[in-house]
Amino acid sequence: MAKWNDISAHSQDATDRAPKTWEMKGPCGLRIAVTRHIHYPKDQWLLVCAGVVDGQYELEAKHITAAKREALTLVATRLHEMAEFAAREQLR
């Protein structure tokens, strides 16, 4: 089973070293990241997954465990939709 890794980057003088970016690597080079961004509220988690979502997707969850779960659900749903679309197009 794939696992989440803390890939947070901190400045050398940062006093708060709490994880702010978690990443999971999936099959075929798929990278799912749940992160915080300086221009969003502190409790706002964002999903980044190139090719699956455009840019950064604002997650509803405020706790990291729930945000990771929400991110995986969104990515799985989007991949399923993409696969269905491809299958329909192939039948044309």
Protein backbone atom coordinates (compact mmCIF):
# COMPACT_ATOMS: atom_id res chain seq x y z
CA MET A 1 0.00 0.00 0.00
CA ALA A 2 1.28 3.47 -0.85
CA LYS A 3 1.98 5.80 2.03
CA TRP A 4 2.02 9.53 2.57
CA ASN A 5 5.41 11.20 2.95
CA ASP A 6 6.12 14.59 4.51
CA ILE A 7 7.93 16.61 1.82
CA SER A 8 7.61 19.99 3.54
CA ALA A 9 10.29 22.58 2.91
CA HIS A 10 11.15 25.00 5.71
CA SER A 11 13.44 28.00 5.78
CA GLN A 12 16.48 27.66 8.05
CA ASP A 13 15.13 30.22 10.50
CA ALA A 14 11.59 28.80 10.64
CA THR A 15 10.40 28.13 14.16
CA ASP A 16 7.28 26.21 13.09
CA ARG A 17 8.39 22.90 11.58
CA ALA A 18 4.93 21.32 11.40
CA PRO A 19 4.40 19.32 8.19
CA LYS A 20 2.65 21.39 5.55
CA THR A 21 3.01 19.20 2.45
CA TRP A 22 2.22 15.50 2.23
CA GLU A 23 2.74 13.47 -0.95
CA MET A 24 1.75 10.01 -2.10
CA LYS A 25 3.25 8.45 -5.22
CA GLY A 26 0.95 6.17 -7.15
CA PRO A 27 1.26 4.01 -10.24
CA CYS A 28 2.41 5.39 -13.61
CA GLY A 29 4.10 8.41 -12.04
CA LEU A 30 0.92 9.74 -10.41
CA ARG A 31 1.79 12.15 -7.59
CA ILE A 32 -0.91 13.29 -5.16
CA ALA A 33 -0.02 16.14 -2.82
CA VAL A 34 -2.00 17.71 0.02
CA THR A 35 -0.48 21.01 1.02
CA ARG A 36 -0.98 24.38 2.63
CA HIS A 37 -0.14 27.65 0.90
CA ILE A 38 0.91 30.99 2.34
CA HIS A 39 -1.89 32.83 0.50
CA TYR A 40 -4.66 30.70 2.05
CA PRO A 41 -5.97 30.49 5.63
CA LYS A 42 -3.87 28.26 7.96
CA ASP A 43 -6.58 25.58 8.12
CA GLN A 44 -7.02 25.37 4.32
CA TRP A 45 -5.62 22.23 2.67
CA LEU A 46 -5.12 22.06 -1.09
CA LEU A 47 -4.93 19.10 -3.46
CA VAL A 48 -2.32 19.12 -6.23
CA CYS A 49 -2.34 16.28 -8.76
CA ALA A 50 -1.10 17.13 -12.26
CA GLY A 51 -3.19 15.71 -15.05
CA VAL A 52 -6.07 14.93 -12.72
CA VAL A 53 -7.01 18.32 -11.26
CA ASP A 54 -6.22 21.73 -12.69
CA GLY A 55 -3.93 23.77 -10.46
CA GLN A 56 -4.75 23.61 -6.76
CA TYR A 57 -8.10 22.26 -5.57
CA GLU A 58 -9.39 23.60 -2.25
CA LEU A 59 -10.33 20.71 0.03
CA GLU A 60 -13.21 21.05 2.50
CA ALA A 61 -11.49 19.10 5.28
CA LYS A 62 -9.68 21.13 7.93
CA HIS A 63 -7.69 18.28 9.55
CA ILE A 64 -4.86 16.64 7.64
CA THR A 65 -6.14 13.07 8.06
CA ALA A 66 -9.53 14.01 6.62
CA ALA A 67 -7.86 16.12 3.90
CA LYS A 68 -5.77 13.16 2.74
CA ARG A 69 -8.87 10.95 2.64
CA GLU A 70 -10.83 13.61 0.73
CA ALA A 71 -7.95 14.03 -1.74
CA LEU A 72 -7.79 10.29 -2.46
CA THR A 73 -11.55 10.14 -2.97
CA LEU A 74 -11.47 13.10 -5.37
CA VAL A 75 -8.56 11.68 -7.36
CA ALA A 76 -10.18 8.22 -7.57
CA THR A 77 -13.48 9.76 -8.72
CA ARG A 78 -11.76 11.92 -11.32
CA LEU A 79 -9.69 9.00 -12.65
CA HIS A 80 -12.86 6.90 -12.91
CA GLU A 81 -14.58 9.71 -14.86
CA MET A 82 -11.57 10.00 -17.17
CA ALA A 83 -11.55 6.23 -17.80
CA GLU A 84 -15.29 6.23 -18.59
CA PHE A 85 -14.83 9.13 -21.00
CA ALA A 86 -11.96 7.33 -22.76
CA ALA A 87 -14.01 4.14 -23.04
CA ARG A 88 -16.98 6.01 -24.55
CA GLU A 89 -14.73 7.78 -27.04
CA GLN A 90 -13.18 4.47 -28.07
CA LEU A 91 -16.62 3.08 -28.93
CA ARG A 92 -17.31 5.87 -31.41
